[in-house]
PDB file of N, CA and C in Angstrom:
ATOM      1  N   MET A   1      70.500  -4.418 -48.734  1.00  0.00           N
ATOM      2  CA  MET A   1      70.598  -3.819 -50.045  1.00  0.00           C
ATOM      3  C   MET A   1      70.013  -4.733 -51.087  1.00  0.00           C
ATOM      4  N   THR A   2      69.242  -4.175 -51.994  1.00  0.00           N
ATOM      5  CA  THR A   2      68.648  -5.013 -53.034  1.00  0.00           C
ATOM      6  C   THR A   2      69.734  -5.496 -54.004  1.00  0.00           C
ATOM      7  N   LEU A   3      69.511  -6.649 -54.543  1.00  0.00           N
ATOM      8  CA  LEU A   3      70.428  -7.271 -55.484  1.00  0.00           C
ATOM      9  C   LEU A   3      70.083  -6.771 -56.866  1.00  0.00           C
ATOM     10  N   GLN A   4      71.094  -6.306 -57.618  1.00  0.00           N
ATOM     11  CA  GLN A   4      70.859  -5.836 -58.983  1.00  0.00           C
ATOM     12  C   GLN A   4      71.014  -7.044 -59.920  1.00  0.00           C
ATOM     13  N   LEU A   5      69.958  -7.352 -60.653  1.00  0.00           N
ATOM     14  CA  LEU A   5      69.996  -8.482 -61.586  1.00  0.00           C
ATOM     15  C   LEU A   5      70.155  -7.959 -63.036  1.00  0.00           C
ATOM     16  N   ASN A   6      70.579  -8.877 -63.895  1.00  0.00           N
ATOM     17  CA  ASN A   6      70.699  -8.582 -65.299  1.00  0.00           C
ATOM     18  C   ASN A   6      70.452  -9.870 -66.084  1.00  0.00           C
ATOM     19  N   ASN A   7      70.616  -9.785 -67.400  1.00  0.00           N
ATOM     20  CA  ASN A   7      70.372 -10.957 -68.257  1.00  0.00           C
ATOM     21  C   ASN A   7      71.206 -12.153 -67.832  1.00  0.00           C
ATOM     22  N   SER A   8      72.418 -11.937 -67.373  1.00  0.00           N
ATOM     23  CA  SER A   8      73.320 -13.046 -67.093  1.00  0.00           C
ATOM     24  C   SER A   8      73.131 -13.701 -65.720  1.00  0.00           C
ATOM     25  N   ASN A   9      72.581 -12.993 -64.760  1.00  0.00           N
ATOM     26  CA  ASN A   9      72.444 -13.611 -63.408  1.00  0.00           C
ATOM     27  C   ASN A   9      70.982 -13.788 -62.969  1.00  0.00           C
ATOM     28  N   PHE A  10      70.054 -13.454 -63.790  1.00  0.00           N
ATOM     29  CA  PHE A  10      68.647 -13.562 -63.419  1.00  0.00           C
ATOM     30  C   PHE A  10      68.231 -15.017 -63.155  1.00  0.00           C
ATOM     31  N   GLN A  11      68.438 -15.882 -64.131  1.00  0.00           N
ATOM     32  CA  GLN A  11      67.999 -17.297 -64.011  1.00  0.00           C
ATOM     33  C   GLN A  11      68.673 -17.983 -62.847  1.00  0.00           C
ATOM     34  N   GLU A  12      69.960 -17.754 -62.700  1.00  0.00           N
ATOM     35  CA  GLU A  12      70.702 -18.393 -61.583  1.00  0.00           C
ATOM     36  C   GLU A  12      70.165 -17.925 -60.226  1.00  0.00           C
ATOM     37  N   THR A  13      69.836 -16.656 -60.141  1.00  0.00           N
ATOM     38  CA  THR A  13      69.335 -16.084 -58.869  1.00  0.00           C
ATOM     39  C   THR A  13      67.972 -16.693 -58.513  1.00  0.00           C
ATOM     40  N   ILE A  14      67.050 -16.733 -59.463  1.00  0.00           N
ATOM     41  CA  ILE A  14      65.727 -17.255 -59.098  1.00  0.00           C
ATOM     42  C   ILE A  14      65.728 -18.757 -58.878  1.00  0.00           C
ATOM     43  N   ASN A  15      66.660 -19.450 -59.529  1.00  0.00           N
ATOM     44  CA  ASN A  15      66.748 -20.895 -59.354  1.00  0.00           C
ATOM     45  C   ASN A  15      67.497 -21.330 -58.106  1.00  0.00           C
ATOM     46  N   SER A  16      68.390 -20.497 -57.598  1.00  0.00           N
ATOM     47  CA  SER A  16      69.220 -20.916 -56.471  1.00  0.00           C
ATOM     48  C   SER A  16      68.745 -20.329 -55.119  1.00  0.00           C
ATOM     49  N   ASN A  17      67.607 -19.663 -55.116  1.00  0.00           N
ATOM     50  CA  ASN A  17      67.044 -19.132 -53.861  1.00  0.00           C
ATOM     51  C   ASN A  17      65.597 -19.580 -53.737  1.00  0.00           C
ATOM     52  N   ASP A  18      65.157 -19.846 -52.531  1.00  0.00           N
ATOM     53  CA  ASP A  18      63.779 -20.316 -52.316  1.00  0.00           C
ATOM     54  C   ASP A  18      62.742 -19.267 -52.709  1.00  0.00           C
ATOM     55  N   VAL A  19      62.902 -18.031 -52.206  1.00  0.00           N
ATOM     56  CA  VAL A  19      61.926 -16.974 -52.475  1.00  0.00           C
ATOM     57  C   VAL A  19      62.674 -15.741 -52.995  1.00  0.00           C
ATOM     58  N   VAL A  20      62.192 -15.241 -54.129  1.00  0.00           N
ATOM     59  CA  VAL A  20      62.789 -14.055 -54.753  1.00  0.00           C
ATOM     60  C   VAL A  20      61.681 -13.089 -55.172  1.00  0.00           C
ATOM     61  N   LEU A  21      61.824 -11.839 -54.771  1.00  0.00           N
ATOM     62  CA  LEU A  21      60.958 -10.767 -55.257  1.00  0.00           C
ATOM     63  C   LEU A  21      61.782  -9.910 -56.216  1.00  0.00           C
ATOM     64  N   VAL A  22      61.296  -9.761 -57.463  1.00  0.00           N
ATOM     65  CA  VAL A  22      62.021  -9.006 -58.446  1.00  0.00           C
ATOM     66  C   VAL A  22      61.194  -7.780 -58.861  1.00  0.00           C
ATOM     67  N   ASP A  23      61.805  -6.608 -58.759  1.00  0.00           N
ATOM     68  CA  ASP A  23      61.204  -5.355 -59.192  1.00  0.00           C
ATOM     69  C   ASP A  23      61.794  -4.970 -60.540  1.00  0.00           C
ATOM     70  N   PHE A  24      60.932  -4.835 -61.541  1.00  0.00           N
ATOM     71  CA  PHE A  24      61.367  -4.336 -62.847  1.00  0.00           C
ATOM     72  C   PHE A  24      61.131  -2.828 -62.847  1.00  0.00           C
ATOM     73  N   TYR A  25      62.179  -2.038 -63.136  1.00  0.00           N
ATOM     74  CA  TYR A  25      62.101  -0.592 -62.973  1.00  0.00           C
ATOM     75  C   TYR A  25      62.926   0.110 -64.065  1.00  0.00           C
ATOM     76  N   ALA A  26      62.831   1.436 -64.060  1.00  0.00           N
ATOM     77  CA  ALA A  26      63.703   2.276 -64.905  1.00  0.00           C
ATOM     78  C   ALA A  26      64.094   3.499 -64.062  1.00  0.00           C
ATOM     79  N   ASP A  27      65.274   4.035 -64.360  1.00  0.00           N
ATOM     80  CA  ASP A  27      65.769   5.187 -63.622  1.00  0.00           C
ATOM     81  C   ASP A  27      64.918   6.424 -63.806  1.00  0.00           C
ATOM     82  N   TRP A  28      64.273   6.548 -64.982  1.00  0.00           N
ATOM     83  CA  TRP A  28      63.461   7.721 -65.301  1.00  0.00           C
ATOM     84  C   TRP A  28      62.035   7.635 -64.754  1.00  0.00           C
ATOM     85  N   CYS A  29      61.684   6.525 -64.161  1.00  0.00           N
ATOM     86  CA  CYS A  29      60.308   6.282 -63.678  1.00  0.00           C
ATOM     87  C   CYS A  29      60.131   6.831 -62.258  1.00  0.00           C
ATOM     88  N   GLY A  30      59.334   7.890 -62.118  1.00  0.00           N
ATOM     89  CA  GLY A  30      59.122   8.504 -60.807  1.00  0.00           C
ATOM     90  C   GLY A  30      58.620   7.540 -59.762  1.00  0.00           C
ATOM     91  N   PRO A  31      57.549   6.779 -60.039  1.00  0.00           N
ATOM     92  CA  PRO A  31      57.045   5.820 -59.045  1.00  0.00           C
ATOM     93  C   PRO A  31      58.097   4.765 -58.665  1.00  0.00           C
ATOM     94  N   CYS A  32      58.931   4.385 -59.620  1.00  0.00           N
ATOM     95  CA  CYS A  32      59.990   3.409 -59.344  1.00  0.00           C
ATOM     96  C   CYS A  32      61.013   3.979 -58.339  1.00  0.00           C
ATOM     97  N   VAL A  33      61.402   5.223 -58.580  1.00  0.00           N
ATOM     98  CA  VAL A  33      62.361   5.900 -57.698  1.00  0.00           C
ATOM     99  C   VAL A  33      61.759   6.045 -56.285  1.00  0.00           C
ATOM    100  N   ALA A  34      60.489   6.456 -56.210  1.00  0.00           N
ATOM    101  CA  ALA A  34      59.819   6.630 -54.917  1.00  0.00           C
ATOM    102  C   ALA A  34      59.658   5.289 -54.191  1.00  0.00           C
ATOM    103  N   PHE A  35      59.565   4.188 -54.922  1.00  0.00           N
ATOM    104  CA  PHE A  35      59.330   2.859 -54.357  1.00  0.00           C
ATOM    105  C   PHE A  35      60.633   2.218 -53.826  1.00  0.00           C
ATOM    106  N   ASN A  36      61.765   2.739 -54.286  1.00  0.00           N
ATOM    107  CA  ASN A  36      63.067   2.136 -53.928  1.00  0.00           C
ATOM    108  C   ASN A  36      63.307   1.996 -52.434  1.00  0.00           C
ATOM    109  N   PRO A  37      63.022   3.032 -51.584  1.00  0.00           N
ATOM    110  CA  PRO A  37      63.253   2.879 -50.148  1.00  0.00           C
ATOM    111  C   PRO A  37      62.462   1.698 -49.530  1.00  0.00           C
ATOM    112  N   THR A  38      61.262   1.449 -50.042  1.00  0.00           N
ATOM    113  CA  THR A  38      60.466   0.340 -49.560  1.00  0.00           C
ATOM    114  C   THR A  38      61.176  -0.968 -49.845  1.00  0.00           C
ATOM    115  N   LEU A  39      61.699  -1.104 -51.047  1.00  0.00           N
ATOM    116  CA  LEU A  39      62.439  -2.329 -51.424  1.00  0.00           C
ATOM    117  C   LEU A  39      63.703  -2.496 -50.594  1.00  0.00           C
ATOM    118  N   GLU A  40      64.379  -1.394 -50.325  1.00  0.00           N
ATOM    119  CA  GLU A  40      65.603  -1.460 -49.512  1.00  0.00           C
ATOM    120  C   GLU A  40      65.265  -1.924 -48.094  1.00  0.00           C
ATOM    121  N   ASP A  41      64.174  -1.403 -47.546  1.00  0.00           N
ATOM    122  CA  ASP A  41      63.732  -1.835 -46.203  1.00  0.00           C
ATOM    123  C   ASP A  41      63.425  -3.329 -46.191  1.00  0.00           C
ATOM    124  N   LEU A  42      62.698  -3.793 -47.192  1.00  0.00           N
ATOM    125  CA  LEU A  42      62.327  -5.221 -47.287  1.00  0.00           C
ATOM    126  C   LEU A  42      63.582  -6.082 -47.407  1.00  0.00           C
ATOM    127  N   SER A  43      64.526  -5.625 -48.204  1.00  0.00           N
ATOM    128  CA  SER A  43      65.772  -6.390 -48.377  1.00  0.00           C
ATOM    129  C   SER A  43      66.468  -6.591 -47.039  1.00  0.00           C
ATOM    130  N   THR A  44      66.492  -5.568 -46.228  1.00  0.00           N
ATOM    131  CA  THR A  44      67.110  -5.681 -44.888  1.00  0.00           C
ATOM    132  C   THR A  44      66.276  -6.560 -43.961  1.00  0.00           C
ATOM    133  N   GLU A  45      64.959  -6.363 -43.997  1.00  0.00           N
ATOM    134  CA  GLU A  45      64.061  -7.119 -43.108  1.00  0.00           C
ATOM    135  C   GLU A  45      64.063  -8.602 -43.421  1.00  0.00           C
ATOM    136  N   PHE A  46      64.194  -8.942 -44.717  1.00  0.00           N
ATOM    137  CA  PHE A  46      64.114 -10.340 -45.126  1.00  0.00           C
ATOM    138  C   PHE A  46      65.468 -10.967 -45.455  1.00  0.00           C
ATOM    139  N   ARG A  47      66.535 -10.297 -45.019  1.00  0.00           N
ATOM    140  CA  ARG A  47      67.872 -10.849 -45.257  1.00  0.00           C
ATOM    141  C   ARG A  47      67.931 -12.263 -44.683  1.00  0.00           C
ATOM    142  N   ASN A  48      68.521 -13.159 -45.433  1.00  0.00           N
ATOM    143  CA  ASN A  48      68.650 -14.600 -45.089  1.00  0.00           C
ATOM    144  C   ASN A  48      67.349 -15.376 -45.170  1.00  0.00           C
ATOM    145  N   LYS A  49      66.252 -14.711 -45.571  1.00  0.00           N
ATOM    146  CA  LYS A  49      64.980 -15.424 -45.726  1.00  0.00           C
ATOM    147  C   LYS A  49      64.475 -15.352 -47.161  1.00  0.00           C
ATOM    148  N   ALA A  50      64.725 -14.244 -47.840  1.00  0.00           N
ATOM    149  CA  ALA A  50      64.274 -14.051 -49.227  1.00  0.00           C
ATOM    150  C   ALA A  50      65.212 -13.056 -49.904  1.00  0.00           C
ATOM    151  N   VAL A  51      65.269 -13.108 -51.220  1.00  0.00           N
ATOM    152  CA  VAL A  51      66.070 -12.179 -51.977  1.00  0.00           C
ATOM    153  C   VAL A  51      65.142 -11.123 -52.552  1.00  0.00           C
ATOM    154  N   VAL A  52      65.493  -9.864 -52.365  1.00  0.00           N
ATOM    155  CA  VAL A  52      64.794  -8.731 -52.958  1.00  0.00           C
ATOM    156  C   VAL A  52      65.735  -8.182 -54.009  1.00  0.00           C
ATOM    157  N   ALA A  53      65.282  -8.202 -55.277  1.00  0.00           N
ATOM    158  CA  ALA A  53      66.166  -7.843 -56.377  1.00  0.00           C
ATOM    159  C   ALA A  53      65.484  -6.880 -57.328  1.00  0.00           C
ATOM    160  N   LYS A  54      66.296  -6.251 -58.193  1.00  0.00           N
ATOM    161  CA  LYS A  54      65.792  -5.264 -59.147  1.00  0.00           C
ATOM    162  C   LYS A  54      66.423  -5.529 -60.515  1.00  0.00           C
ATOM    163  N   ILE A  55      65.659  -5.229 -61.553  1.00  0.00           N
ATOM    164  CA  ILE A  55      66.156  -5.317 -62.917  1.00  0.00           C
ATOM    165  C   ILE A  55      65.780  -4.032 -63.641  1.00  0.00           C
ATOM    166  N   ASN A  56      66.794  -3.371 -64.193  1.00  0.00           N
ATOM    167  CA  ASN A  56      66.580  -2.169 -64.968  1.00  0.00           C
ATOM    168  C   ASN A  56      66.097  -2.577 -66.356  1.00  0.00           C
ATOM    169  N   VAL A  57      64.872  -2.204 -66.737  1.00  0.00           N
ATOM    170  CA  VAL A  57      64.301  -2.653 -68.018  1.00  0.00           C
ATOM    171  C   VAL A  57      65.026  -2.047 -69.202  1.00  0.00           C
ATOM    172  N   ASP A  58      65.585  -0.835 -69.037  1.00  0.00           N
ATOM    173  CA  ASP A  58      66.311  -0.203 -70.130  1.00  0.00           C
ATOM    174  C   ASP A  58      67.644  -0.878 -70.425  1.00  0.00           C
ATOM    175  N   LYS A  59      68.278  -1.406 -69.392  1.00  0.00           N
ATOM    176  CA  LYS A  59      69.568  -2.079 -69.566  1.00  0.00           C
ATOM    177  C   LYS A  59      69.426  -3.564 -69.883  1.00  0.00           C
ATOM    178  N   ASN A  60      68.222  -4.128 -69.710  1.00  0.00           N
ATOM    179  CA  ASN A  60      67.963  -5.549 -69.951  1.00  0.00           C
ATOM    180  C   ASN A  60      66.686  -5.743 -70.758  1.00  0.00           C
ATOM    181  N   PRO A  61      66.636  -5.165 -71.982  1.00  0.00           N
ATOM    182  CA  PRO A  61      65.379  -5.199 -72.743  1.00  0.00           C
ATOM    183  C   PRO A  61      64.958  -6.608 -73.164  1.00  0.00           C
ATOM    184  N   GLU A  62      65.923  -7.501 -73.445  1.00  0.00           N
ATOM    185  CA  GLU A  62      65.547  -8.846 -73.873  1.00  0.00           C
ATOM    186  C   GLU A  62      64.808  -9.589 -72.762  1.00  0.00           C
ATOM    187  N   LEU A  63      65.301  -9.476 -71.537  1.00  0.00           N
ATOM    188  CA  LEU A  63      64.671 -10.130 -70.416  1.00  0.00           C
ATOM    189  C   LEU A  63      63.289  -9.534 -70.144  1.00  0.00           C
ATOM    190  N   SER A  64      63.183  -8.220 -70.228  1.00  0.00           N
ATOM    191  CA  SER A  64      61.915  -7.557 -70.011  1.00  0.00           C
ATOM    192  C   SER A  64      60.889  -7.975 -71.059  1.00  0.00           C
ATOM    193  N   GLN A  65      61.296  -8.073 -72.302  1.00  0.00           N
ATOM    194  CA  GLN A  65      60.422  -8.513 -73.372  1.00  0.00           C
ATOM    195  C   GLN A  65      60.013  -9.982 -73.172  1.00  0.00           C
ATOM    196  N   SER A  66      60.954 -10.821 -72.802  1.00  0.00           N
ATOM    197  CA  SER A  66      60.648 -12.240 -72.656  1.00  0.00           C
ATOM    198  C   SER A  66      59.656 -12.499 -71.520  1.00  0.00           C
ATOM    199  N   LEU A  67      59.661 -11.615 -70.524  1.00  0.00           N
ATOM    200  CA  LEU A  67      58.696 -11.728 -69.390  1.00  0.00           C
ATOM    201  C   LEU A  67      57.475 -10.856 -69.610  1.00  0.00           C
ATOM    202  N   ASN A  68      57.369 -10.222 -70.773  1.00  0.00           N
ATOM    203  CA  ASN A  68      56.182  -9.450 -71.133  1.00  0.00           C
ATOM    204  C   ASN A  68      55.922  -8.278 -70.186  1.00  0.00           C
ATOM    205  N   ILE A  69      56.989  -7.576 -69.801  1.00  0.00           N
ATOM    206  CA  ILE A  69      56.857  -6.406 -68.924  1.00  0.00           C
ATOM    207  C   ILE A  69      56.240  -5.262 -69.763  1.00  0.00           C
ATOM    208  N   ARG A  70      55.062  -4.793 -69.353  1.00  0.00           N
ATOM    209  CA  ARG A  70      54.363  -3.745 -70.078  1.00  0.00           C
ATOM    210  C   ARG A  70      54.279  -2.446 -69.293  1.00  0.00           C
ATOM    211  N   SER A  71      54.446  -2.530 -67.992  1.00  0.00           N
ATOM    212  CA  SER A  71      54.412  -1.294 -67.166  1.00  0.00           C
ATOM    213  C   SER A  71      55.429  -1.466 -66.017  1.00  0.00           C
ATOM    214  N   ILE A  72      55.865  -0.333 -65.487  1.00  0.00           N
ATOM    215  CA  ILE A  72      56.773  -0.361 -64.370  1.00  0.00           C
ATOM    216  C   ILE A  72      56.319   0.604 -63.293  1.00  0.00           C
ATOM    217  N   PRO A  73      56.595   0.333 -62.053  1.00  0.00           N
ATOM    218  CA  PRO A  73      57.260  -0.870 -61.586  1.00  0.00           C
ATOM    219  C   PRO A  73      56.345  -2.111 -61.735  1.00  0.00           C
ATOM    220  N   SER A  74      56.991  -3.245 -62.030  1.00  0.00           N
ATOM    221  CA  SER A  74      56.309  -4.532 -62.063  1.00  0.00           C
ATOM    222  C   SER A  74      57.033  -5.435 -61.072  1.00  0.00           C
ATOM    223  N   LEU A  75      56.273  -6.147 -60.265  1.00  0.00           N
ATOM    224  CA  LEU A  75      56.843  -7.012 -59.240  1.00  0.00           C
ATOM    225  C   LEU A  75      56.545  -8.474 -59.562  1.00  0.00           C
ATOM    226  N   PHE A  76      57.569  -9.299 -59.584  1.00  0.00           N
ATOM    227  CA  PHE A  76      57.416 -10.714 -59.860  1.00  0.00           C
ATOM    228  C   PHE A  76      57.896 -11.476 -58.603  1.00  0.00           C
ATOM    229  N   TYR A  77      57.087 -12.425 -58.152  1.00  0.00           N
ATOM    230  CA  TYR A  77      57.416 -13.268 -57.002  1.00  0.00           C
ATOM    231  C   TYR A  77      57.764 -14.665 -57.517  1.00  0.00           C
ATOM    232  N   PHE A  78      58.920 -15.141 -57.149  1.00  0.00           N
ATOM    233  CA  PHE A  78      59.365 -16.503 -57.520  1.00  0.00           C
ATOM    234  C   PHE A  78      59.563 -17.352 -56.275  1.00  0.00           C
ATOM    235  N   LYS A  79      59.142 -18.619 -56.401  1.00  0.00           N
ATOM    236  CA  LYS A  79      59.396 -19.577 -55.321  1.00  0.00           C
ATOM    237  C   LYS A  79      60.030 -20.812 -55.959  1.00  0.00           C
ATOM    238  N   LYS A  80      61.226 -21.149 -55.513  1.00  0.00           N
ATOM    239  CA  LYS A  80      61.954 -22.305 -56.044  1.00  0.00           C
ATOM    240  C   LYS A  80      62.038 -22.282 -57.552  1.00  0.00           C
ATOM    241  N   GLY A  81      62.317 -21.097 -58.107  1.00  0.00           N
ATOM    242  CA  GLY A  81      62.503 -20.928 -59.535  1.00  0.00           C
ATOM    243  C   GLY A  81      61.281 -20.755 -60.361  1.00  0.00           C
ATOM    244  N   GLN A  82      60.106 -20.856 -59.717  1.00  0.00           N
ATOM    245  CA  GLN A  82      58.830 -20.736 -60.462  1.00  0.00           C
ATOM    246  C   GLN A  82      58.165 -19.402 -60.178  1.00  0.00           C
ATOM    247  N   LEU A  83      57.677 -18.765 -61.233  1.00  0.00           N
ATOM    248  CA  LEU A  83      56.901 -17.528 -61.047  1.00  0.00           C
ATOM    249  C   LEU A  83      55.550 -17.901 -60.414  1.00  0.00           C
ATOM    250  N   VAL A  84      55.245 -17.270 -59.282  1.00  0.00           N
ATOM    251  CA  VAL A  84      53.999 -17.571 -58.595  1.00  0.00           C
ATOM    252  C   VAL A  84      53.020 -16.421 -58.572  1.00  0.00           C
ATOM    253  N   GLU A  85      53.524 -15.193 -58.796  1.00  0.00           N
ATOM    254  CA  GLU A  85      52.592 -14.049 -58.803  1.00  0.00           C
ATOM    255  C   GLU A  85      53.282 -12.844 -59.469  1.00  0.00           C
ATOM    256  N   LYS A  86      52.433 -11.987 -60.090  1.00  0.00           N
ATOM    257  CA  LYS A  86      52.894 -10.735 -60.666  1.00  0.00           C
ATOM    258  C   LYS A  86      52.001  -9.628 -60.152  1.00  0.00           C
ATOM    259  N   GLN A  87      52.587  -8.452 -59.957  1.00  0.00           N
ATOM    260  CA  GLN A  87      51.835  -7.254 -59.574  1.00  0.00           C
ATOM    261  C   GLN A  87      52.383  -6.075 -60.344  1.00  0.00           C
ATOM    262  N   ASN A  88      51.480  -5.200 -60.812  1.00  0.00           N
ATOM    263  CA  ASN A  88      51.915  -3.955 -61.445  1.00  0.00           C
ATOM    264  C   ASN A  88      51.769  -2.828 -60.457  1.00  0.00           C
ATOM    265  N   GLY A  89      52.714  -1.913 -60.471  1.00  0.00           N
ATOM    266  CA  GLY A  89      52.625  -0.739 -59.615  1.00  0.00           C
ATOM    267  C   GLY A  89      53.272  -0.956 -58.247  1.00  0.00           C
ATOM    268  N   ALA A  90      53.636   0.167 -57.650  1.00  0.00           N
ATOM    269  CA  ALA A  90      54.231   0.116 -56.296  1.00  0.00           C
ATOM    270  C   ALA A  90      53.195  -0.376 -55.302  1.00  0.00           C
ATOM    271  N   GLN A  91      53.648  -1.117 -54.313  1.00  0.00           N
ATOM    272  CA  GLN A  91      52.780  -1.657 -53.266  1.00  0.00           C
ATOM    273  C   GLN A  91      53.286  -1.192 -51.904  1.00  0.00           C
ATOM    274  N   THR A  92      52.459  -1.350 -50.900  1.00  0.00           N
ATOM    275  CA  THR A  92      52.876  -0.961 -49.549  1.00  0.00           C
ATOM    276  C   THR A  92      53.864  -1.982 -49.011  1.00  0.00           C
ATOM    277  N   LYS A  93      54.694  -1.564 -48.087  1.00  0.00           N
ATOM    278  CA  LYS A  93      55.671  -2.462 -47.452  1.00  0.00           C
ATOM    279  C   LYS A  93      54.950  -3.592 -46.743  1.00  0.00           C
ATOM    280  N   ASN A  94      53.854  -3.279 -46.060  1.00  0.00           N
ATOM    281  CA  ASN A  94      53.130  -4.327 -45.323  1.00  0.00           C
ATOM    282  C   ASN A  94      52.591  -5.395 -46.248  1.00  0.00           C
ATOM    283  N   LEU A  95      52.040  -4.990 -47.383  1.00  0.00           N
ATOM    284  CA  LEU A  95      51.520  -5.979 -48.333  1.00  0.00           C
ATOM    285  C   LEU A  95      52.634  -6.840 -48.891  1.00  0.00           C
ATOM    286  N   LEU A  96      53.757  -6.235 -49.249  1.00  0.00           N
ATOM    287  CA  LEU A  96      54.874  -6.993 -49.766  1.00  0.00           C
ATOM    288  C   LEU A  96      55.414  -7.961 -48.719  1.00  0.00           C
ATOM    289  N   ALA A  97      55.539  -7.486 -47.492  1.00  0.00           N
ATOM    290  CA  ALA A  97      56.036  -8.333 -46.397  1.00  0.00           C
ATOM    291  C   ALA A  97      55.097  -9.517 -46.178  1.00  0.00           C
ATOM    292  N   GLU A  98      53.812  -9.272 -46.220  1.00  0.00           N
ATOM    293  CA  GLU A  98      52.835 -10.346 -46.063  1.00  0.00           C
ATOM    294  C   GLU A  98      52.984 -11.392 -47.143  1.00  0.00           C
ATOM    295  N   LYS A  99      53.140 -10.958 -48.393  1.00  0.00           N
ATOM    296  CA  LYS A  99      53.300 -11.890 -49.500  1.00  0.00           C
ATOM    297  C   LYS A  99      54.570 -12.696 -49.358  1.00  0.00           C
ATOM    298  N   LEU A 100      55.657 -12.030 -49.011  1.00  0.00           N
ATOM    299  CA  LEU A 100      56.943 -12.711 -48.820  1.00  0.00           C
ATOM    300  C   LEU A 100      56.850 -13.733 -47.683  1.00  0.00           C
ATOM    301  N   ASN A 101      56.245 -13.355 -46.576  1.00  0.00           N
ATOM    302  CA  ASN A 101      56.088 -14.277 -45.447  1.00  0.00           C
ATOM    303  C   ASN A 101      55.244 -15.498 -45.845  1.00  0.00           C
ATOM    304  N   ASN A 102      54.187 -15.281 -46.623  1.00  0.00           N
ATOM    305  CA  ASN A 102      53.387 -16.387 -47.085  1.00  0.00           C
ATOM    306  C   ASN A 102      54.190 -17.370 -47.952  1.00  0.00           C
ATOM    307  N   LEU A 103      55.009 -16.800 -48.833  1.00  0.00           N
ATOM    308  CA  LEU A 103      55.831 -17.666 -49.694  1.00  0.00           C
ATOM    309  C   LEU A 103      56.899 -18.401 -48.873  1.00  0.00           C
ATOM    310  N   ILE A 104      57.455 -17.743 -47.919  1.00  0.00           N
ATOM    311  CA  ILE A 104      58.496 -18.400 -47.079  1.00  0.00           C
ATOM    312  C   ILE A 104      57.904 -19.520 -46.229  1.00  0.00           C
ATOM    313  N   ASN A 105      56.716 -19.297 -45.696  1.00  0.00           N
ATOM    314  CA  ASN A 105      56.115 -20.236 -44.760  1.00  0.00           C
ATOM    315  C   ASN A 105      55.233 -21.299 -45.379  1.00  0.00           C
ATOM    316  N   ASN A 106      54.996 -21.225 -46.662  1.00  0.00           N
ATOM    317  CA  ASN A 106      54.125 -22.230 -47.324  1.00  0.00           C
ATOM    318  C   ASN A 106      54.842 -22.987 -48.445  1.00  0.00           C
TER     319      ASN A 106
END
């Protein structure tokens, strides 16, 4: 199951885990809703290796603004607390898994 992040647990989560994938989404966003099963699958597949998390942009506007989120879904990849890559739009499970594996193994 994906981890739900918010303003209060975002920093702690990215700093206390080696690899974190964060999806910025909204409940009203069709592509975000359609993308959710992919994230749930990744969360299960990468359990104990990486954290797959989500942040609702409508419920956390300050965080979304501070990270300059302009479109959703937006995917942010963190390694050891540092942002290493951003992607806009839903991606395939295979592409996401490849990126997570690269971050875990390098």
